[in-house]
Amino acid sequence: MRAEAQAYCDRIDAALDLLRRFLDWDRALRRLDELNARVEDPSLWNDQKKAQEVMRERTRLDTAISATRAIEKDKLDTVELLEMADAEGDSALGDEAVASLAVLADKADEDKIKALLAGEADASDTYLEIHAGAGGTESQDWAEMLQRMYQRWAEKRGYKVELVDYQAGEQAGIKSATLLIKGENAYGYAKTESGVHRLVRISPYDSSARRHTSFSSVWVYPVIDDNIDIEINPADLKIDTYRASGAGGQHVNTTDSAVRITHVPTNIIVACQNDRSQHKNRATAMNMLKARLYEKELAEREAAASGEYAAKTEIGWGHQIRSYVLQPYQMVKDLRTGVVSSSPDDVLDGALDPYMAAALSQKVTGEKVDVEDVD
């Protein structure tokens, strides 16, 4: 077999192997048979909520199993076609078979990512908070760059983006911003971005043209639905109202419509100012708080299941998950993936999904995902 075709086959086999291990293949097949039998039982539909849960699980398993089998069958058929073409000396047919394997390898990688997004909240919409760190205008400018990068990334994927909260910087950039990203698997794709992001560049705000290091933190947590019950004691809440910042109508700037809620036991703070109604902003902020508490519970549950210590509930400034260098001629390099582009938006678009896949693969294979850093 041609070396190029063998490389594509190896990619496909690696994706299929990861999928089977993630699904626990034999158990998944047995579980699908059980769910098919339950669906055929008319009494299941006496409880509509339970029936919907069963159907969702059945659809998810059936989709993942069918996709895995289809890729495996297409690979075997294409390899057989390639061997036949080589035996007959038909180079055109062989090239077509190699091209088909390349397309199939890409599809296998996409299906692998979709199957790995099988967490409890991965399919949900997501909130994404960005906060400027130490560094004044430099960090605030970097925070705004991150905000724009995530917005462009979401829009390129066809997601809907809403700006829930926005605090402008004194001179440039932002102090903080909260995005609501709506779309299939939005949380699953974005959740690995939680952490501190660092940018190294020659500062445009420094007349001496010195190199500066800027920090901004990102927190990602899922939007929860009515089926998830989160109990919050009103006595644990500190609620503040203030005037919304930024552009807006007269009502926005002259009334205390913005709402900030602090959950005292956990010191979690959420804020909302995207609506002119204080009541609506309060309701949105409460939903954000419930989502934060739910994400915290998911992290603790996952840590307990893996036999490790509970995950830190707050991000420390020393924990860099992502570093960038703004090189001469405005070229941006993501040190985590090595992606270089003239646009920060393109760097994120070209690096986010592959790294997310690697991070999820680590949970299945146990192999370490290295994160490169800078001095």
Protein backbone atom coordinates (compact mmCIF):
# COMPACT_ATOMS: atom_id res chain seq x y z
CA MET A 1 0.00 0.00 0.00
CA ARG A 2 1.18 3.51 -0.72
CA ALA A 3 2.81 5.35 2.16
CA GLU A 4 0.32 8.22 1.90
CA ALA A 5 -2.63 5.84 2.01
CA GLN A 6 -1.12 4.01 4.98
CA ALA A 7 -0.82 7.28 6.90
CA TYR A 8 -4.51 8.00 6.34
CA CYS A 9 -5.41 4.45 7.42
CA ASP A 10 -3.38 4.89 10.60
CA ARG A 11 -5.29 8.11 11.39
CA ILE A 12 -8.60 6.34 10.83
CA ASP A 13 -7.58 3.36 12.98
CA ALA A 14 -6.42 5.65 15.79
CA ALA A 15 -9.75 7.51 15.74
CA LEU A 16 -11.75 4.28 15.72
CA ASP A 17 -9.69 2.81 18.55
CA LEU A 18 -10.24 5.93 20.67
CA LEU A 19 -13.97 5.86 19.93
CA ARG A 20 -14.31 2.23 20.97
CA ARG A 21 -12.41 2.79 24.20
CA PHE A 22 -14.42 5.89 24.99
CA LEU A 23 -17.74 4.17 24.32
CA ASP A 24 -16.65 0.96 26.08
CA TRP A 25 -17.69 -0.84 22.90
CA ASP A 26 -19.07 -4.12 24.27
CA ARG A 27 -20.98 -2.37 27.04
CA ALA A 28 -22.35 0.19 24.57
CA LEU A 29 -23.69 -2.55 22.29
CA ARG A 30 -25.42 -4.29 25.20
CA ARG A 31 -26.84 -1.01 26.45
CA LEU A 32 -28.21 -0.15 23.00
CA ASP A 33 -29.99 -3.52 22.85
CA GLU A 34 -31.51 -2.82 26.27
CA LEU A 35 -32.70 0.62 25.20
CA ASN A 36 -34.19 -0.72 21.96
CA ALA A 37 -36.16 -3.26 24.01
CA ARG A 38 -37.42 -0.54 26.38
CA VAL A 39 -38.51 1.68 23.49
CA GLU A 40 -40.67 -1.16 22.17
CA ASP A 41 -42.46 -1.40 25.54
CA PRO A 42 -45.69 0.71 25.36
CA SER A 43 -45.65 1.31 29.13
CA LEU A 44 -42.50 3.40 28.80
CA TRP A 45 -44.55 6.30 27.46
CA ASN A 46 -46.66 6.49 30.60
CA ASP A 47 -43.84 8.63 32.00
CA GLN A 48 -43.07 11.20 29.32
CA LYS A 49 -39.99 12.63 31.06
CA LYS A 50 -38.44 9.19 31.55
CA ALA A 51 -39.26 8.23 27.97
CA GLN A 52 -37.52 11.32 26.63
CA GLU A 53 -34.41 10.52 28.65
CA VAL A 54 -34.37 6.97 27.28
CA MET A 55 -34.83 8.20 23.71
CA ARG A 56 -32.02 10.74 24.07
CA GLU A 57 -29.62 8.10 25.38
CA ARG A 58 -30.67 5.65 22.67
CA THR A 59 -30.19 8.25 19.92
CA ARG A 60 -26.76 9.22 21.23
CA LEU A 61 -25.54 5.62 21.45
CA ASP A 62 -27.05 4.60 18.12
CA THR A 63 -25.48 7.62 16.37
CA ALA A 64 -22.01 6.95 17.80
CA ILE A 65 -22.11 3.21 17.08
CA SER A 66 -23.49 3.64 13.56
CA ALA A 67 -20.89 6.30 12.72
CA THR A 68 -18.06 4.05 13.94
CA ARG A 69 -19.29 1.09 11.93
CA ALA A 70 -19.80 3.22 8.81
CA ILE A 71 -16.26 4.58 8.94
CA GLU A 72 -14.81 1.12 9.42
CA LYS A 73 -16.79 -0.26 6.46
CA ASP A 74 -15.86 2.66 4.18
CA LYS A 75 -12.21 2.23 5.09
CA LEU A 76 -12.19 -1.48 4.27
CA ASP A 77 -13.98 -0.87 0.95
CA THR A 78 -11.59 1.93 -0.03
CA VAL A 79 -8.47 -0.07 0.90
CA GLU A 80 -9.76 -2.98 -1.18
CA LEU A 81 -10.33 -0.61 -4.11
CA LEU A 82 -6.80 0.81 -3.74
CA GLU A 83 -5.21 -2.65 -3.69
CA MET A 84 -7.16 -3.61 -6.79
CA ALA A 85 -6.06 -0.40 -8.55
CA ASP A 86 -2.40 -1.04 -7.70
CA ALA A 87 -2.65 -4.64 -8.88
CA GLU A 88 -4.11 -3.55 -12.22
CA GLY A 89 -1.77 -0.57 -12.58
CA ASP A 90 -4.65 1.93 -12.73
CA SER A 91 -3.02 5.06 -11.29
CA ALA A 92 -6.11 7.25 -11.74
CA LEU A 93 -8.27 4.86 -9.71
CA GLY A 94 -5.51 4.59 -7.10
CA ASP A 95 -5.31 8.37 -6.74
CA GLU A 96 -9.07 8.51 -6.34
CA ALA A 97 -8.92 5.88 -3.61
CA VAL A 98 -6.18 7.79 -1.75
CA ALA A 99 -8.26 10.98 -1.96
CA SER A 100 -11.23 9.08 -0.54
CA LEU A 101 -9.09 7.86 2.36
CA ALA A 102 -8.03 11.46 3.07
CA VAL A 103 -11.67 12.58 3.22
CA LEU A 104 -12.53 9.59 5.41
CA ALA A 105 -9.65 10.38 7.80
CA ASP A 106 -10.95 13.93 8.25
CA LYS A 107 -14.47 12.60 8.84
CA ALA A 108 -13.14 10.11 11.41
CA ASP A 109 -11.45 12.95 13.31
CA GLU A 110 -14.68 14.99 13.27
CA ASP A 111 -16.78 12.04 14.46
CA LYS A 112 -14.21 11.36 17.16
CA ILE A 113 -14.62 14.87 18.54
CA LYS A 114 -18.42 14.65 18.40
CA ALA A 115 -18.42 11.31 20.21
CA LEU A 116 -16.00 12.57 22.85
CA LEU A 117 -18.43 15.41 23.58
CA ALA A 118 -20.59 13.06 25.57
CA GLY A 119 -20.31 14.73 28.95
CA GLU A 120 -23.34 15.57 31.03
CA ALA A 121 -23.40 19.20 29.90
CA ASP A 122 -21.29 19.15 26.72
CA ALA A 123 -24.28 19.63 24.41
CA SER A 124 -25.45 22.74 26.30
CA ASP A 125 -25.11 26.41 25.46
CA THR A 126 -22.37 28.12 27.43
CA TYR A 127 -21.42 31.27 29.27
CA LEU A 128 -17.87 32.51 28.72
CA GLU A 129 -16.44 35.11 31.12
CA ILE A 130 -13.29 37.11 30.39
CA HIS A 131 -11.52 39.16 33.06
CA ALA A 132 -8.45 41.36 32.61
CA GLY A 133 -5.62 40.56 35.02
CA ALA A 134 -2.77 42.61 36.42
CA GLY A 135 -1.22 44.99 33.92
CA GLY A 136 -3.68 47.85 33.51
CA THR A 137 -4.31 48.97 29.94
CA GLU A 138 -2.13 46.17 28.51
CA SER A 139 -4.21 43.40 30.11
CA GLN A 140 -7.48 45.17 29.34
CA ASP A 141 -6.52 45.40 25.68
CA TRP A 142 -5.60 41.69 25.71
CA ALA A 143 -8.94 40.84 27.33
CA GLU A 144 -10.76 42.64 24.51
CA MET A 145 -8.69 40.74 21.94
CA LEU A 146 -9.76 37.47 23.58
CA GLN A 147 -13.39 38.57 23.58
CA ARG A 148 -13.23 39.29 19.85
CA MET A 149 -11.43 36.02 19.17
CA TYR A 150 -14.09 33.95 20.92
CA GLN A 151 -16.88 35.86 19.22
CA ARG A 152 -15.34 35.28 15.78
CA TRP A 153 -14.74 31.61 16.58
CA ALA A 154 -18.36 31.13 17.64
CA GLU A 155 -19.73 32.97 14.61
CA LYS A 156 -17.61 30.87 12.24
CA ARG A 157 -19.15 27.74 13.77
CA GLY A 158 -22.64 29.14 13.24
CA TYR A 159 -23.28 29.80 16.92
CA LYS A 160 -25.32 32.73 18.19
CA VAL A 161 -23.44 35.09 20.53
CA GLU A 162 -24.98 37.51 23.03
CA LEU A 163 -23.07 40.01 25.18
CA VAL A 164 -24.50 39.56 28.68
CA ASP A 165 -22.16 41.83 30.65
CA TYR A 166 -19.52 44.37 29.64
CA GLN A 167 -17.16 46.58 31.67
CA ALA A 168 -15.02 48.89 29.51
CA GLY A 169 -11.42 49.73 30.42
CA GLU A 170 -10.31 53.25 31.33
CA GLN A 171 -8.20 53.88 28.23
CA ALA A 172 -8.63 50.83 26.01
CA GLY A 173 -9.94 47.29 26.08
CA ILE A 174 -12.25 45.83 28.71
CA LYS A 175 -12.11 45.04 32.40
CA SER A 176 -14.52 42.12 31.97
CA ALA A 177 -17.13 40.69 29.62
CA THR A 178 -19.53 37.77 29.64
CA LEU A 179 -20.67 36.08 26.43
CA LEU A 180 -23.61 33.75 26.03
CA ILE A 181 -22.83 31.32 23.20
CA LYS A 182 -25.77 29.31 21.87
CA GLY A 183 -25.32 26.27 19.66
CA GLU A 184 -24.89 22.51 19.61
CA ASN A 185 -21.99 21.36 21.82
CA ALA A 186 -21.01 24.96 22.57
CA TYR A 187 -19.93 24.11 26.13
CA GLY A 188 -18.17 20.92 25.04
CA TYR A 189 -16.03 22.78 22.54
CA ALA A 190 -15.25 25.80 24.73
CA LYS A 191 -14.78 24.26 28.18
CA THR A 192 -11.05 23.56 27.77
CA GLU A 193 -10.46 27.31 27.41
CA SER A 194 -11.01 27.92 31.14
CA GLY A 195 -7.84 29.26 32.71
CA VAL A 196 -5.36 32.11 32.40
CA HIS A 197 -4.24 33.27 28.96
CA ARG A 198 -0.95 35.11 28.54
CA LEU A 199 0.21 37.41 25.74
CA VAL A 200 3.81 38.52 25.15
CA ARG A 201 4.28 41.46 22.75
CA ILE A 202 5.92 44.79 22.10
CA SER A 203 3.45 47.15 23.72
CA PRO A 204 1.73 49.71 21.46
CA TYR A 205 1.09 51.74 24.63
CA ASP A 206 4.77 51.97 25.64
CA SER A 207 6.71 54.84 24.04
CA SER A 208 9.94 52.91 24.71
CA ALA A 209 8.65 49.91 22.71
CA ARG A 210 9.42 47.44 25.50
CA ARG A 211 8.14 43.88 25.65
CA HIS A 212 5.15 43.39 27.97
CA THR A 213 3.43 40.30 29.33
CA SER A 214 -0.34 40.55 29.80
CA PHE A 215 -2.74 38.20 31.57
CA SER A 216 -6.47 37.60 31.25
CA SER A 217 -8.58 34.85 32.80
CA VAL A 218 -11.35 32.94 31.05
CA TRP A 219 -14.09 30.97 32.78
CA VAL A 220 -16.48 28.71 30.85
CA TYR A 221 -19.61 27.16 32.36
CA PRO A 222 -22.74 25.57 30.84
CA VAL A 223 -26.26 26.97 30.59
CA ILE A 224 -28.57 24.71 32.58
CA ASP A 225 -32.18 23.87 31.76
CA ASP A 226 -35.27 23.48 33.96
CA ASN A 227 -34.59 19.76 34.45
CA ILE A 228 -31.58 20.56 36.66
CA ASP A 229 -32.60 21.74 40.10
CA ILE A 230 -30.06 23.95 41.88
CA GLU A 231 -31.11 25.07 45.36
CA ILE A 232 -29.75 28.44 46.55
CA ASN A 233 -30.38 29.89 49.98
CA PRO A 234 -31.41 33.56 49.56
CA ALA A 235 -29.52 34.38 52.77
CA ASP A 236 -26.28 33.37 51.00
CA LEU A 237 -26.71 36.03 48.32
CA LYS A 238 -25.47 39.61 48.19
CA ILE A 239 -27.28 41.53 45.42
CA ASP A 240 -26.05 44.90 44.16
CA THR A 241 -27.56 47.14 41.49
CA TYR A 242 -25.73 49.80 39.52
CA ARG A 243 -25.94 51.79 36.33
CA ALA A 244 -25.09 49.98 33.14
CA SER A 245 -21.92 51.09 31.36
CA GLY A 246 -21.24 51.64 27.69
CA ALA A 247 -23.50 52.86 24.92
CA GLY A 248 -27.23 52.61 25.29
CA GLY A 249 -30.50 54.48 25.50
CA GLN A 250 -31.26 57.07 28.12
CA HIS A 251 -32.93 54.50 30.34
CA VAL A 252 -29.80 52.34 30.41
CA ASN A 253 -27.56 55.13 31.62
CA THR A 254 -29.90 56.83 34.12
CA THR A 255 -31.31 53.91 36.17
CA ASP A 256 -29.73 51.15 38.24
CA SER A 257 -30.69 48.40 35.78
CA ALA A 258 -27.49 46.33 36.02
CA VAL A 259 -27.38 43.56 38.63
CA ARG A 260 -24.43 41.91 40.39
CA ILE A 261 -24.96 38.82 42.57
CA THR A 262 -22.34 37.43 44.97
CA HIS A 263 -22.72 33.91 46.37
CA VAL A 264 -21.06 34.39 49.75
CA PRO A 265 -20.18 30.73 50.61
CA THR A 266 -18.27 30.20 47.34
CA ASN A 267 -17.40 33.85 46.55
CA ILE A 268 -18.79 33.35 43.04
CA ILE A 269 -19.75 36.68 41.43
CA VAL A 270 -21.97 37.08 38.38
CA ALA A 271 -23.31 40.22 36.72
CA CYS A 272 -25.73 41.13 33.96
CA GLN A 273 -26.57 44.43 32.27
CA ASN A 274 -27.73 43.48 28.78
CA ASP A 275 -31.37 44.43 29.35
CA ARG A 276 -33.03 47.70 30.31
CA SER A 277 -35.16 45.87 32.88
CA GLN A 278 -33.56 45.26 36.27
CA HIS A 279 -35.96 42.35 36.79
CA LYS A 280 -34.79 40.60 33.62
CA ASN A 281 -31.14 41.24 34.45
CA ARG A 282 -31.67 39.78 37.91
CA ALA A 283 -33.26 36.64 36.43
CA THR A 284 -30.38 36.24 33.97
CA ALA A 285 -27.81 36.73 36.72
CA MET A 286 -29.52 34.07 38.85
CA ASN A 287 -29.39 31.64 35.92
CA MET A 288 -25.69 32.41 35.52
CA LEU A 289 -25.10 31.77 39.22
CA LYS A 290 -26.90 28.43 39.06
CA ALA A 291 -24.81 27.53 36.01
CA ARG A 292 -21.58 28.40 37.87
CA LEU A 293 -22.61 26.27 40.85
CA TYR A 294 -23.55 23.41 38.53
CA GLU A 295 -20.18 23.62 36.73
CA LYS A 296 -18.44 23.55 40.12
CA GLU A 297 -20.37 20.43 41.06
CA LEU A 298 -19.49 18.77 37.74
CA ALA A 299 -15.78 19.49 38.30
CA GLU A 300 -15.87 18.05 41.82
CA ARG A 301 -17.79 15.00 40.60
CA GLU A 302 -15.29 14.40 37.80
CA ALA A 303 -12.34 14.77 40.16
CA ALA A 304 -13.92 12.31 42.60
CA ALA A 305 -14.62 9.81 39.82
CA SER A 306 -11.00 9.92 38.63
CA GLY A 307 -9.72 9.35 42.15
CA GLU A 308 -7.90 12.68 42.25
CA TYR A 309 -8.13 15.62 44.61
CA ALA A 310 -11.02 17.99 43.99
CA ALA A 311 -10.31 20.54 41.31
CA LYS A 312 -9.52 24.10 42.40
CA THR A 313 -12.65 26.19 42.37
CA GLU A 314 -10.78 29.37 41.53
CA ILE A 315 -8.19 29.91 38.82
CA GLY A 316 -4.78 31.06 40.04
CA TRP A 317 -2.77 33.57 38.05
CA GLY A 318 0.14 31.14 37.86
CA HIS A 319 -1.84 28.56 35.87
CA GLN A 320 -1.21 29.27 32.18
CA ILE A 321 -3.13 27.04 29.84
CA ARG A 322 -2.44 29.17 26.81
CA SER A 323 0.36 31.53 25.81
CA TYR A 324 0.72 33.74 22.75
CA VAL A 325 3.56 35.77 21.28
CA LEU A 326 2.82 38.74 19.08
CA GLN A 327 5.77 38.59 16.70
CA PRO A 328 7.07 41.31 14.33
CA TYR A 329 4.78 42.34 11.48
CA GLN A 330 1.76 41.55 13.72
CA MET A 331 2.13 37.77 13.33
CA VAL A 332 0.50 35.91 16.23
CA LYS A 333 1.81 32.54 17.38
CA ASP A 334 -0.10 30.24 19.73
CA LEU A 335 2.64 28.53 21.76
CA ARG A 336 0.32 25.71 22.71
CA THR A 337 -0.28 24.49 19.17
CA GLY A 338 2.33 26.31 17.09
CA VAL A 339 -0.35 27.92 14.90
CA VAL A 340 0.90 31.17 13.35
CA SER A 341 -1.36 33.71 11.66
CA SER A 342 -1.65 37.38 10.88
CA SER A 343 -4.99 37.41 12.71
CA PRO A 344 -5.65 36.35 16.33
CA ASP A 345 -9.09 35.21 15.17
CA ASP A 346 -7.54 32.71 12.76
CA VAL A 347 -5.15 31.45 15.44
CA LEU A 348 -8.02 30.58 17.72
CA ASP A 349 -10.10 29.13 14.89
CA GLY A 350 -7.21 26.89 13.85
CA ALA A 351 -6.16 25.84 17.33
CA LEU A 352 -9.18 25.57 19.61
CA ASP A 353 -10.82 22.43 18.26
CA PRO A 354 -7.60 20.34 17.81
CA TYR A 355 -6.45 21.13 21.34
CA MET A 356 -9.90 20.43 22.72
CA ALA A 357 -9.77 17.02 21.04
CA ALA A 358 -6.33 16.35 22.51
CA ALA A 359 -7.50 17.32 25.99
CA LEU A 360 -10.49 15.00 25.74
CA SER A 361 -8.33 12.23 24.34
CA GLN A 362 -6.12 12.53 27.39
CA LYS A 363 -9.09 11.59 29.58
CA VAL A 364 -9.56 8.40 27.56
CA THR A 365 -5.98 7.34 26.83
CA GLY A 366 -4.23 8.76 29.87
CA GLU A 367 -1.54 10.27 27.65
CA LYS A 368 -0.25 13.66 28.79
CA VAL A 369 -1.05 16.73 26.70
CA ASP A 370 1.98 19.03 26.80
CA VAL A 371 1.40 22.78 27.04
CA GLU A 372 4.34 24.86 25.86
CA ASP A 373 5.21 28.00 27.82
CA VAL A 374 7.45 31.07 27.44
CA ASP A 375 9.86 32.82 29.75
